[in-house]
Amino acid sequence: MKNQYKYLLLSLPFILLFGIRTIAAVNGPNPVSVTSIANEGVLITSNNTQIIVDGLYENVYPQFDTPTSDQIDTLLNSDGDIKTNIMLITHKHGDHFSAKLTAEFLKAGRDNIAVGPQQVIDEVTQYATENDISFQQNQTLAINPSNDSSVISTINEVTLTTFRFDHENEQFKNIENNVYLLEVEGQRILHIGDAKMSFEPFQTKLASQEIDLSILPFWFISNDIGNKIINEHLNKSEIVLAHIHTKHHHRNNDEVYRH
């Protein structure tokens, strides 16, 4: 597949994702753009479709970026030209997800759809019930792949392949973490949430996939396993590093991070 993305900071081995910036764009009759929100949150827009991934949450971990109130208002009150609003949530941790804001997102538009693992959808449903927030049952979609399979869904014109990867860190072994591979206007975008740096699942689940853009936690360049995953299974993809600790935000965007 020909990669049509035109990136900022083309001279860098990686693009660092912090602050509000468009990190990728595709020109054509139906342009696609990928814009950072905060932490691992991104906004993908194309034609009349808007996809939020891990981008609506509140300030629970001060060491990571949080969406501003203005960003939250914009995401909850999208332009009237947007026909489809999809929110993808990789897992239920508070620096990726808010049950309150997800329920408000669903209430804001009958065409809004929230997708996540069962743990996420259960928390949204519980919050909505306890706070008398109503939305249609078909506005939520729980996707729960087994460890040895994937689930392919089509939401309007967006094709979504969902994998289940363990969450990084043994203390979070019970957290359901979905990995999403989206195909939007022929471009394939990977978002792994907080997937564990383990070589085997990347080899068995992603090695055969064509990927144009991969959004990974910053720590994937911090050790040999993460670097091996990038070099052997994501080497044809542009890499965006996210989940960056705020102490690193003083770094100049022209600084080179090598792998």
Protein backbone atom coordinates (compact mmCIF):
# COMPACT_ATOMS: atom_id res chain seq x y z
CA MET A 1 0.00 0.00 0.00
CA LYS A 2 1.34 3.38 -0.91
CA ASN A 3 1.67 5.59 2.14
CA GLN A 4 0.16 8.97 1.30
CA TYR A 5 0.68 10.61 4.68
CA LYS A 6 2.50 13.94 4.81
CA TYR A 7 3.97 14.41 8.27
CA LEU A 8 5.31 17.22 10.34
CA LEU A 9 8.90 16.82 11.52
CA LEU A 10 9.79 14.58 8.60
CA SER A 11 13.45 14.45 9.57
CA LEU A 12 12.74 12.69 12.86
CA PRO A 13 12.75 8.92 13.35
CA PHE A 14 9.71 9.42 15.58
CA ILE A 15 7.05 12.07 16.01
CA LEU A 16 6.49 13.10 19.63
CA LEU A 17 2.84 13.52 20.53
CA PHE A 18 2.17 16.26 23.04
CA GLY A 19 0.34 19.52 22.71
CA ILE A 20 -2.38 20.26 20.18
CA ARG A 21 -1.03 19.55 16.73
CA THR A 22 -1.99 17.82 13.53
CA ILE A 23 0.44 14.94 13.20
CA ALA A 24 -0.74 13.51 9.91
CA ALA A 25 -2.84 14.47 6.93
CA VAL A 26 -3.86 12.92 3.64
CA ASN A 27 -4.86 15.07 0.71
CA GLY A 28 -7.49 14.01 -1.78
CA PRO A 29 -11.24 14.13 -2.31
CA ASN A 30 -11.80 12.93 1.27
CA PRO A 31 -8.86 14.19 3.34
CA VAL A 32 -7.87 12.41 6.56
CA SER A 33 -6.21 14.17 9.47
CA VAL A 34 -4.90 12.91 12.81
CA THR A 35 -4.66 15.52 15.57
CA SER A 36 -3.35 15.05 19.09
CA ILE A 37 -5.65 15.84 22.01
CA ALA A 38 -3.66 14.90 25.12
CA ASN A 39 -1.60 11.97 26.39
CA GLU A 40 -2.58 9.11 24.00
CA GLY A 41 -5.73 10.86 22.85
CA VAL A 42 -6.10 11.59 19.14
CA LEU A 43 -8.84 12.94 16.89
CA ILE A 44 -9.12 11.38 13.42
CA THR A 45 -11.30 13.22 10.94
CA SER A 46 -12.32 12.36 7.41
CA ASN A 47 -15.17 13.60 5.27
CA ASN A 48 -18.17 13.53 7.64
CA THR A 49 -16.63 11.19 10.19
CA GLN A 50 -14.92 12.07 13.45
CA ILE A 51 -13.14 9.41 15.51
CA ILE A 52 -11.89 10.09 19.03
CA VAL A 53 -9.43 7.58 20.47
CA ASP A 54 -8.70 7.76 24.23
CA GLY A 55 -9.33 11.50 24.08
CA LEU A 56 -12.14 12.30 26.53
CA TYR A 57 -11.11 12.08 30.17
CA GLU A 58 -10.47 14.27 33.20
CA ASN A 59 -7.41 15.17 35.23
CA VAL A 60 -6.63 12.14 37.39
CA TYR A 61 -2.89 11.76 36.78
CA PRO A 62 -1.08 15.12 36.84
CA GLN A 63 2.08 13.57 35.33
CA PHE A 64 0.25 13.20 32.00
CA ASP A 65 -1.52 15.72 29.78
CA THR A 66 -5.27 16.16 30.16
CA PRO A 67 -7.74 17.59 27.63
CA THR A 68 -8.58 21.22 28.36
CA SER A 69 -12.15 22.29 29.10
CA ASP A 70 -12.29 23.92 25.67
CA GLN A 71 -11.19 20.71 23.98
CA ILE A 72 -13.79 18.71 25.90
CA ASP A 73 -16.54 21.18 24.97
CA THR A 74 -15.54 20.97 21.30
CA LEU A 75 -15.51 17.18 21.29
CA LEU A 76 -18.88 16.99 23.04
CA ASN A 77 -20.45 19.53 20.69
CA SER A 78 -19.15 18.65 17.25
CA ASP A 79 -19.91 20.59 14.09
CA GLY A 80 -23.31 19.94 12.57
CA ASP A 81 -21.66 18.73 9.35
CA ILE A 82 -20.22 15.71 11.17
CA LYS A 83 -22.44 12.75 10.35
CA THR A 84 -20.72 10.10 12.46
CA ASN A 85 -19.00 10.51 15.79
CA ILE A 86 -17.13 7.41 16.98
CA MET A 87 -15.30 7.18 20.28
CA LEU A 88 -12.82 4.34 20.73
CA ILE A 89 -11.58 3.59 24.24
CA THR A 90 -8.69 1.15 24.66
CA HIS A 91 -9.15 0.55 28.40
CA LYS A 92 -10.74 1.97 31.52
CA HIS A 93 -7.83 3.82 33.16
CA GLY A 94 -8.59 7.45 33.96
CA ASP A 95 -5.87 8.90 31.72
CA HIS A 96 -7.64 7.35 28.72
CA PHE A 97 -11.31 7.25 29.68
CA SER A 98 -14.07 8.90 31.70
CA ALA A 99 -17.44 7.20 32.20
CA LYS A 100 -18.99 10.61 32.85
CA LEU A 101 -17.69 12.25 29.66
CA THR A 102 -18.44 9.17 27.58
CA ALA A 103 -22.05 9.16 28.80
CA GLU A 104 -22.31 12.88 28.00
CA PHE A 105 -20.85 12.22 24.54
CA LEU A 106 -23.52 9.59 23.86
CA LYS A 107 -26.28 11.84 25.16
CA ALA A 108 -25.08 14.72 22.95
CA GLY A 109 -25.95 12.97 19.67
CA ARG A 110 -28.04 9.99 18.68
CA ASP A 111 -25.48 9.06 16.03
CA ASN A 112 -22.60 9.07 18.53
CA ILE A 113 -21.12 5.64 19.20
CA ALA A 114 -18.75 4.51 21.97
CA VAL A 115 -16.63 1.38 21.48
CA GLY A 116 -14.51 -0.31 24.10
CA PRO A 117 -13.85 -3.48 26.07
CA GLN A 118 -16.62 -4.78 28.31
CA GLN A 119 -15.12 -3.15 31.42
CA VAL A 120 -15.43 0.26 29.77
CA ILE A 121 -18.98 -0.20 28.51
CA ASP A 122 -20.07 -1.53 31.93
CA GLU A 123 -18.74 1.61 33.65
CA VAL A 124 -20.46 3.90 31.14
CA THR A 125 -23.76 2.06 31.55
CA GLN A 126 -23.51 2.16 35.33
CA TYR A 127 -22.71 5.88 35.38
CA ALA A 128 -25.59 6.67 33.03
CA THR A 129 -28.03 4.64 35.13
CA GLU A 130 -26.93 6.25 38.39
CA ASN A 131 -27.08 9.78 36.95
CA ASP A 132 -30.25 9.47 34.87
CA ILE A 133 -28.46 9.95 31.53
CA SER A 134 -30.23 8.31 28.63
CA PHE A 135 -28.99 7.16 25.24
CA GLN A 136 -29.85 4.36 22.84
CA GLN A 137 -28.61 0.85 23.55
CA ASN A 138 -27.09 0.62 20.07
CA GLN A 139 -24.84 3.62 20.83
CA THR A 140 -22.44 1.41 22.79
CA LEU A 141 -20.44 -1.49 21.41
CA ALA A 142 -18.41 -3.80 23.63
CA ILE A 143 -15.68 -5.60 21.70
CA ASN A 144 -13.97 -8.45 23.52
CA PRO A 145 -11.59 -10.43 21.30
CA SER A 146 -10.10 -13.64 22.60
CA ASN A 147 -6.34 -13.74 23.00
CA ASP A 148 -5.93 -15.71 19.77
CA SER A 149 -8.37 -13.91 17.49
CA SER A 150 -9.47 -10.49 16.29
CA VAL A 151 -12.86 -8.88 15.73
CA ILE A 152 -13.58 -6.96 12.52
CA SER A 153 -16.35 -4.36 12.67
CA THR A 154 -17.65 -1.84 10.18
CA ILE A 155 -19.08 1.40 11.57
CA ASN A 156 -20.47 3.29 8.62
CA GLU A 157 -17.42 3.58 6.33
CA VAL A 158 -14.78 2.90 8.99
CA THR A 159 -13.35 -0.62 9.18
CA LEU A 160 -12.12 -1.50 12.66
CA THR A 161 -10.01 -4.54 13.55
CA THR A 162 -9.76 -5.08 17.30
CA PHE A 163 -7.18 -7.21 19.12
CA ARG A 164 -6.80 -7.95 22.82
CA PHE A 165 -3.31 -7.31 24.23
CA ASP A 166 -2.29 -7.52 27.87
CA HIS A 167 -1.87 -4.19 29.63
CA GLU A 168 1.68 -3.16 30.49
CA ASN A 169 2.73 -3.89 34.09
CA GLU A 170 1.76 -7.00 36.02
CA GLN A 171 -0.33 -5.03 38.53
CA PHE A 172 -2.77 -4.24 35.69
CA LYS A 173 -3.09 -7.81 34.40
CA ASN A 174 -6.87 -7.74 34.94
CA ILE A 175 -7.36 -4.60 32.82
CA GLU A 176 -8.90 -5.30 29.42
CA ASN A 177 -6.81 -3.46 26.82
CA ASN A 178 -8.04 -3.30 23.23
CA VAL A 179 -5.70 -2.55 20.34
CA TYR A 180 -7.42 -0.90 17.37
CA LEU A 181 -6.43 -0.93 13.71
CA LEU A 182 -8.63 1.54 11.84
CA GLU A 183 -8.95 1.82 8.10
CA VAL A 184 -10.10 5.30 7.10
CA GLU A 185 -10.10 6.32 3.42
CA GLY A 186 -7.62 3.51 2.67
CA GLN A 187 -5.22 4.56 5.44
CA ARG A 188 -4.55 2.13 8.30
CA ILE A 189 -3.93 3.63 11.73
CA LEU A 190 -2.86 1.57 14.76
CA HIS A 191 -3.54 2.63 18.35
CA ILE A 192 -2.36 0.19 21.01
CA GLY A 193 -3.46 1.89 24.23
CA ASP A 194 -1.17 0.65 27.00
CA ALA A 195 -0.33 -2.71 25.41
CA LYS A 196 2.40 -4.71 27.09
CA MET A 197 5.84 -4.71 25.50
CA SER A 198 5.81 -8.41 24.67
CA PHE A 199 7.22 -9.55 21.34
CA GLU A 200 4.99 -12.60 20.77
CA PRO A 201 1.55 -10.91 20.43
CA PHE A 202 2.91 -8.29 18.04
CA GLN A 203 4.44 -11.07 15.96
CA THR A 204 1.34 -13.29 15.87
CA LYS A 205 -1.34 -10.59 15.60
CA LEU A 206 0.20 -7.71 13.68
CA ALA A 207 3.02 -9.09 11.56
CA SER A 208 0.73 -9.70 8.56
CA GLN A 209 -1.04 -6.32 8.82
CA GLU A 210 -0.32 -3.33 6.63
CA ILE A 211 -0.05 -0.27 8.88
CA ASP A 212 0.55 3.31 7.79
CA LEU A 213 0.67 5.06 11.17
CA SER A 214 1.30 3.58 14.65
CA ILE A 215 0.61 5.44 17.89
CA LEU A 216 2.69 3.92 20.69
CA PRO A 217 3.48 4.74 24.32
CA PHE A 218 6.79 6.55 24.69
CA TRP A 219 8.36 3.70 26.68
CA PHE A 220 8.51 1.50 23.55
CA ILE A 221 11.83 3.17 22.70
CA SER A 222 13.14 2.71 26.22
CA ASN A 223 14.28 -0.93 26.05
CA ASP A 224 15.32 -3.72 23.71
CA ILE A 225 11.93 -5.43 23.50
CA GLY A 226 10.12 -2.26 22.45
CA ASN A 227 12.80 -1.45 19.90
CA LYS A 228 12.65 -5.00 18.49
CA ILE A 229 8.87 -4.72 18.12
CA ILE A 230 9.25 -1.45 16.22
CA ASN A 231 12.12 -2.64 14.05
CA GLU A 232 10.64 -6.01 13.10
CA HIS A 233 6.87 -5.51 13.04
CA LEU A 234 6.18 -1.79 12.71
CA ASN A 235 9.17 -0.83 10.55
CA LYS A 236 7.01 0.06 7.52
CA SER A 237 4.82 2.34 9.60
CA GLU A 238 5.35 5.91 10.63
CA ILE A 239 5.69 6.00 14.43
CA VAL A 240 4.09 8.52 16.78
CA LEU A 241 5.17 8.41 20.43
CA ALA A 242 2.54 9.30 23.01
CA HIS A 243 1.85 8.94 26.76
CA ILE A 244 4.78 11.26 27.42
CA HIS A 245 5.45 12.32 31.01
CA THR A 246 5.01 16.07 31.45
CA LYS A 247 8.60 16.39 32.69
CA HIS A 248 9.72 15.73 29.10
CA HIS A 249 7.59 18.49 27.58
CA HIS A 250 10.38 21.04 27.79
CA ARG A 251 12.22 19.17 25.06
CA ASN A 252 12.48 20.91 21.71
CA ASN A 253 10.52 19.16 18.97
CA ASP A 254 13.68 19.22 16.83
CA GLU A 255 15.47 16.89 19.21
CA VAL A 256 16.08 13.48 17.67
CA TYR A 257 15.06 10.28 19.45
CA ARG A 258 16.73 7.30 17.83
CA HIS A 259 15.90 3.61 17.99
